[in-house]
Amino acid sequence: MNTTISRRRFIATTGVGSVSAAAAMAGASTTASAQTTRQPIEHATLISIQKAAGATHTFVTNNDGRVTIQVIEGPTGSILVDSGDDQKYAAEARAFAEALGKPIDAVMLSHDHPDHTSGIPSYAGLPIFTSSGILANITNGPFDKPSNLAEVQAFDDAEASFGGLNLRIHNYKNAEALEQIVIEFPELGTAVLQDLVYNNAYFFPGMDRPGWINVLGDLQSKLEVESLLVGHGYPSSQGELTAAIDYLSEYSEMVAQSAGPEELVVKMKERWPDRMAQGILELQGFAFR
């Protein structure tokens, strides 16, 4: 299957050549520091937040996982975070980034789960980075390997600069996944947390929920940002950290009081009937392993 989407085709099908064009088409909500637009595109819902130093563009896929790909736009280039669970999603995000008219300086992979790495082949030829630990987890883990895994480079620096933006990279182990990175963009007042936080979506059970809650507490004390970009669901604010801690605490009690995943899912639907990412309910058996 050909997953390449040309820059011309992307602009023609979505009408978006820039954030300002998106605002003109879809309408925009504006604050003193940011302008936000939201619109449906072919394979996702696109949420763009324009700030003085750049912009963030979140692709929320239209599947039952509501997985995200982030495009971070800086003054001189862009950074992509994650690839979704299918090459078509990554191809769409790449085409959007290329349509901005700036080079894609880096692709960053936040963790090893296949719903965030399966689209990597659509990033062929781009500089792809993740931590050495996450790269080892992708290489040695149980999931299918991307065909261009050899292009992924280990990158363990705590600070970097791509696209004219400064990055602070925080590494955490034994939370939702075996290892995850959080990418902070100080000039944008934004942190990319991916699967450490789900916004109005059902959570994956995680590898170590007490450890996960501790990580979120650390981020509460460490981050000072306006926007959180998450792995499932729409962009949110720093208050979503508290909501995630509350969810995980209540969820852990549900697990302890359930005989198995079927009972657990019934309780989750009763407690949180309106959450997105219904597909994650099918993975609740991991809570009992």
Protein backbone atom coordinates (compact mmCIF):
# COMPACT_ATOMS: atom_id res chain seq x y z
CA MET A 1 0.00 0.00 0.00
CA ASN A 2 1.33 3.43 -0.95
CA THR A 3 1.26 5.63 2.15
CA THR A 4 2.96 8.66 0.61
CA ILE A 5 0.91 11.86 0.62
CA SER A 6 2.34 14.74 -1.40
CA ARG A 7 2.51 18.29 -0.06
CA ARG A 8 0.25 19.47 -2.91
CA ARG A 9 -2.32 16.73 -2.21
CA PHE A 10 -2.34 17.50 1.51
CA ILE A 11 -3.03 21.19 0.96
CA ALA A 12 -5.64 20.39 -1.68
CA THR A 13 -7.53 17.89 0.47
CA THR A 14 -7.38 19.75 3.79
CA GLY A 15 -7.02 23.34 2.68
CA VAL A 16 -4.34 23.87 5.33
CA GLY A 17 -1.06 25.42 4.27
CA SER A 18 -0.53 27.20 7.57
CA VAL A 19 -2.13 27.72 10.95
CA SER A 20 -3.57 31.01 9.76
CA ALA A 21 -5.25 29.20 6.86
CA ALA A 22 -6.69 26.67 9.28
CA ALA A 23 -8.06 29.50 11.41
CA ALA A 24 -9.70 31.08 8.41
CA MET A 25 -11.40 27.79 7.48
CA ALA A 26 -12.32 26.27 10.80
CA GLY A 27 -12.72 29.25 13.07
CA ALA A 28 -10.41 29.85 15.99
CA SER A 29 -10.53 30.27 19.72
CA THR A 30 -8.08 32.90 20.84
CA THR A 31 -6.47 33.78 24.15
CA ALA A 32 -3.85 36.40 24.94
CA SER A 33 -1.06 33.90 24.33
CA ALA A 34 -2.45 31.29 21.93
CA GLN A 35 -4.86 30.74 19.08
CA THR A 36 -6.40 27.27 18.76
CA THR A 37 -8.06 25.71 15.74
CA ARG A 38 -9.68 22.29 15.37
CA GLN A 39 -10.83 20.58 12.20
CA PRO A 40 -11.36 17.11 10.74
CA ILE A 41 -8.96 15.87 8.06
CA GLU A 42 -8.77 12.57 6.19
CA HIS A 43 -7.52 10.25 8.93
CA ALA A 44 -7.62 12.38 12.06
CA THR A 45 -8.80 15.47 13.85
CA LEU A 46 -6.17 18.22 13.73
CA ILE A 47 -5.80 20.62 16.66
CA SER A 48 -3.37 23.49 16.12
CA ILE A 49 -2.24 25.88 18.84
CA GLN A 50 -0.41 28.95 17.58
CA LYS A 51 1.92 30.71 20.00
CA ALA A 52 4.41 33.54 19.65
CA ALA A 53 7.44 31.26 19.35
CA GLY A 54 5.86 28.62 17.11
CA ALA A 55 2.94 26.22 17.08
CA THR A 56 1.85 22.73 18.03
CA HIS A 57 -0.27 20.54 15.76
CA THR A 58 -1.86 17.43 17.26
CA PHE A 59 -3.22 14.68 15.03
CA VAL A 60 -5.82 12.62 16.95
CA THR A 61 -6.44 9.53 14.82
CA ASN A 62 -9.96 8.54 13.87
CA ASN A 63 -9.57 4.95 15.07
CA ASP A 64 -10.76 3.38 18.32
CA GLY A 65 -7.49 4.19 20.09
CA ARG A 66 -7.59 7.97 19.44
CA VAL A 67 -3.79 7.89 19.27
CA THR A 68 -1.87 11.12 18.72
CA ILE A 69 1.01 12.27 16.57
CA GLN A 70 2.50 15.64 17.46
CA VAL A 71 3.99 18.11 15.00
CA ILE A 72 5.89 20.84 16.84
CA GLU A 73 6.58 23.83 14.62
CA GLY A 74 9.51 26.06 15.44
CA PRO A 75 10.87 29.16 13.70
CA THR A 76 13.23 27.21 11.43
CA GLY A 77 11.91 23.64 11.36
CA SER A 78 9.60 21.09 12.91
CA ILE A 79 9.77 18.08 15.21
CA LEU A 80 7.44 15.09 14.96
CA VAL A 81 6.65 12.98 18.02
CA ASP A 82 5.48 9.37 17.49
CA SER A 83 3.97 7.75 14.40
CA GLY A 84 0.59 6.29 15.34
CA ASP A 85 -0.40 2.68 14.80
CA ASP A 86 -0.56 2.74 10.99
CA GLN A 87 1.61 4.19 8.27
CA LYS A 88 -1.28 6.24 6.87
CA TYR A 89 -1.40 8.36 10.03
CA ALA A 90 2.33 9.02 10.02
CA ALA A 91 2.22 9.81 6.29
CA GLU A 92 -0.52 12.37 6.88
CA ALA A 93 1.42 14.02 9.73
CA ARG A 94 4.61 14.06 7.67
CA ALA A 95 2.81 15.64 4.69
CA PHE A 96 1.38 18.32 6.97
CA ALA A 97 4.83 19.09 8.41
CA GLU A 98 6.36 19.28 4.95
CA ALA A 99 3.53 21.60 3.84
CA LEU A 100 4.66 24.09 6.48
CA GLY A 101 7.62 24.80 4.21
CA LYS A 102 10.25 24.11 6.84
CA PRO A 103 12.58 21.11 7.24
CA ILE A 104 11.64 18.27 9.57
CA ASP A 105 14.63 18.41 11.90
CA ALA A 106 13.77 15.38 14.04
CA VAL A 107 11.31 12.62 14.76
CA MET A 108 11.19 11.65 18.44
CA LEU A 109 9.69 8.37 19.70
CA SER A 110 8.23 8.65 23.19
CA HIS A 111 8.11 4.92 24.01
CA ASP A 112 8.04 1.46 22.47
CA HIS A 113 4.31 0.61 22.28
CA PRO A 114 3.22 -0.32 18.74
CA ASP A 115 0.32 2.14 18.63
CA HIS A 116 3.00 4.85 18.65
CA THR A 117 5.71 3.19 16.53
CA SER A 118 3.98 1.18 13.79
CA GLY A 119 3.92 4.13 11.40
CA ILE A 120 7.69 4.63 11.48
CA PRO A 121 8.22 3.39 7.88
CA SER A 122 6.41 6.52 6.66
CA TYR A 123 9.27 8.52 8.19
CA ALA A 124 11.91 6.86 6.01
CA GLY A 125 14.79 9.21 5.30
CA LEU A 126 14.09 11.49 8.27
CA PRO A 127 16.32 11.72 11.38
CA ILE A 128 14.54 9.52 13.95
CA PHE A 129 15.60 9.54 17.61
CA THR A 130 14.69 7.93 20.90
CA SER A 131 16.53 7.01 24.09
CA SER A 132 18.88 4.04 24.02
CA GLY A 133 16.60 2.22 26.46
CA ILE A 134 13.48 2.75 24.36
CA LEU A 135 15.38 1.72 21.24
CA ALA A 136 16.42 -1.49 23.00
CA ASN A 137 12.81 -2.11 24.02
CA ILE A 138 11.62 -1.70 20.42
CA THR A 139 14.44 -3.91 19.13
CA ASN A 140 14.10 -6.69 21.68
CA GLY A 141 10.41 -6.44 22.59
CA PRO A 142 7.52 -8.68 21.55
CA PHE A 143 5.96 -6.36 18.97
CA ASP A 144 6.48 -6.32 15.20
CA LYS A 145 9.57 -4.37 14.21
CA PRO A 146 9.28 -1.42 11.81
CA SER A 147 10.93 -2.18 8.49
CA ASN A 148 13.24 0.84 8.86
CA LEU A 149 14.17 0.27 12.50
CA ALA A 150 17.84 0.64 11.49
CA GLU A 151 17.16 4.34 10.87
CA VAL A 152 16.25 4.96 14.53
CA GLN A 153 19.16 6.49 16.46
CA ALA A 154 19.81 6.45 20.20
CA PHE A 155 19.70 9.95 21.71
CA ASP A 156 20.18 10.29 25.46
CA ASP A 157 20.88 14.02 25.83
CA ALA A 158 18.80 15.86 28.42
CA GLU A 159 18.80 19.03 26.33
CA ALA A 160 18.71 19.62 22.59
CA SER A 161 17.76 22.20 19.96
CA PHE A 162 15.71 21.41 16.85
CA GLY A 163 13.69 23.67 14.59
CA GLY A 164 14.91 26.77 16.39
CA LEU A 165 13.41 25.55 19.68
CA ASN A 166 15.06 24.33 22.86
CA LEU A 167 14.07 20.92 24.18
CA ARG A 168 14.34 19.52 27.70
CA ILE A 169 14.06 15.75 27.69
CA HIS A 170 13.00 13.91 30.84
CA ASN A 171 13.40 10.13 30.99
CA TYR A 172 11.15 7.94 33.15
CA LYS A 173 11.13 4.19 33.70
CA ASN A 174 8.48 1.73 34.91
CA ALA A 175 5.29 3.72 34.51
CA GLU A 176 2.79 3.30 31.65
CA ALA A 177 5.61 1.68 29.65
CA LEU A 178 9.01 0.28 30.53
CA GLU A 179 10.62 3.60 29.58
CA GLN A 180 9.21 6.89 28.31
CA ILE A 181 10.50 10.34 27.50
CA VAL A 182 8.77 13.65 28.17
CA ILE A 183 9.77 16.49 25.87
CA GLU A 184 9.44 20.01 27.22
CA PHE A 185 9.46 23.05 24.92
CA PRO A 186 10.02 26.06 27.21
CA GLU A 187 9.54 28.71 24.51
CA LEU A 188 6.12 27.25 23.70
CA GLY A 189 5.05 26.67 27.29
CA THR A 190 4.33 23.10 26.23
CA ALA A 191 5.28 19.58 27.31
CA VAL A 192 4.72 16.44 25.25
CA LEU A 193 3.84 13.65 27.70
CA GLN A 194 2.27 11.17 25.28
CA ASP A 195 1.12 8.04 27.14
CA LEU A 196 1.91 9.25 30.62
CA VAL A 197 -1.40 11.15 30.36
CA TYR A 198 -4.63 10.28 28.52
CA ASN A 199 -7.21 13.06 28.12
CA ASN A 200 -10.84 11.88 28.41
CA ALA A 201 -9.77 8.46 27.17
CA TYR A 202 -9.54 5.06 28.80
CA PHE A 203 -6.01 4.34 30.06
CA PHE A 204 -3.88 1.33 29.22
CA PRO A 205 -3.25 -0.59 32.49
CA GLY A 206 0.47 0.27 32.40
CA MET A 207 3.57 -1.56 33.59
CA ASP A 208 3.75 -0.13 37.12
CA ARG A 209 0.83 2.01 38.30
CA PRO A 210 2.37 3.12 41.62
CA GLY A 211 5.48 4.10 39.69
CA TRP A 212 3.30 5.85 37.12
CA ILE A 213 1.58 7.91 39.81
CA ASN A 214 4.99 8.85 41.25
CA VAL A 215 6.15 10.00 37.80
CA LEU A 216 3.08 12.21 37.43
CA GLY A 217 3.76 13.70 40.85
CA ASP A 218 7.32 14.46 39.81
CA LEU A 219 6.05 16.16 36.66
CA GLN A 220 3.63 18.24 38.72
CA SER A 221 6.56 19.69 40.64
CA LYS A 222 8.90 19.95 37.64
CA LEU A 223 6.81 21.35 34.80
CA GLU A 224 5.58 24.92 34.45
CA VAL A 225 3.71 24.89 31.15
CA GLU A 226 0.43 26.06 29.68
CA SER A 227 -0.21 23.07 27.42
CA LEU A 228 0.14 19.30 27.77
CA LEU A 229 0.16 17.19 24.63
CA VAL A 230 -0.98 13.66 25.41
CA GLY A 231 -0.81 10.24 23.78
CA HIS A 232 -4.55 9.59 23.51
CA GLY A 233 -7.08 12.41 23.23
CA TYR A 234 -6.89 16.15 22.80
CA PRO A 235 -4.35 18.69 24.13
CA SER A 236 -4.95 19.80 27.69
CA SER A 237 -3.40 21.84 30.51
CA GLN A 238 -1.17 21.03 33.46
CA GLY A 239 -4.25 20.29 35.57
CA GLU A 240 -4.60 17.07 33.58
CA LEU A 241 -1.75 15.64 35.69
CA THR A 242 -3.99 15.75 38.77
CA ALA A 243 -6.86 14.19 36.81
CA ALA A 244 -4.56 11.37 35.67
CA ILE A 245 -3.40 10.66 39.24
CA ASP A 246 -7.01 10.54 40.40
CA TYR A 247 -7.98 8.21 37.55
CA LEU A 248 -5.10 5.81 38.16
CA SER A 249 -5.77 5.70 41.89
CA GLU A 250 -9.45 4.88 41.37
CA TYR A 251 -8.66 2.48 38.54
CA SER A 252 -6.20 0.56 40.73
CA GLU A 253 -8.95 0.07 43.31
CA MET A 254 -11.24 -1.24 40.57
CA VAL A 255 -8.61 -3.74 39.46
CA ALA A 256 -8.13 -5.00 43.02
CA GLN A 257 -11.89 -5.47 43.41
CA SER A 258 -12.47 -7.19 40.04
CA ALA A 259 -12.21 -10.92 39.36
CA GLY A 260 -10.96 -10.37 35.81
CA PRO A 261 -10.96 -8.03 32.79
CA GLU A 262 -14.64 -8.56 31.93
CA GLU A 263 -15.79 -7.34 35.34
CA LEU A 264 -13.25 -4.53 35.26
CA VAL A 265 -14.47 -3.25 31.89
CA VAL A 266 -18.08 -3.21 33.11
CA LYS A 267 -17.02 -1.10 36.09
CA MET A 268 -14.99 1.26 33.89
CA LYS A 269 -17.89 1.85 31.51
CA GLU A 270 -20.22 2.53 34.42
CA ARG A 271 -17.78 4.95 36.06
CA TRP A 272 -16.55 6.67 32.88
CA PRO A 273 -19.25 6.15 30.23
CA ASP A 274 -18.21 8.97 27.91
CA ARG A 275 -14.47 8.40 27.54
CA MET A 276 -12.82 7.96 24.15
CA ALA A 277 -10.49 5.17 22.98
CA GLN A 278 -12.91 2.28 23.33
CA GLY A 279 -10.27 0.02 21.79
CA ILE A 280 -8.17 0.30 24.94
CA LEU A 281 -10.92 -1.50 26.86
CA GLU A 282 -9.88 -4.62 24.95
CA LEU A 283 -6.44 -4.42 26.56
CA GLN A 284 -7.56 -4.44 30.17
CA GLY A 285 -6.43 -8.05 30.57
CA PHE A 286 -2.91 -6.63 31.01
CA ALA A 287 -4.02 -5.38 34.44
CA PHE A 288 -4.14 -9.00 35.65
CA ARG A 289 -0.77 -10.17 34.33
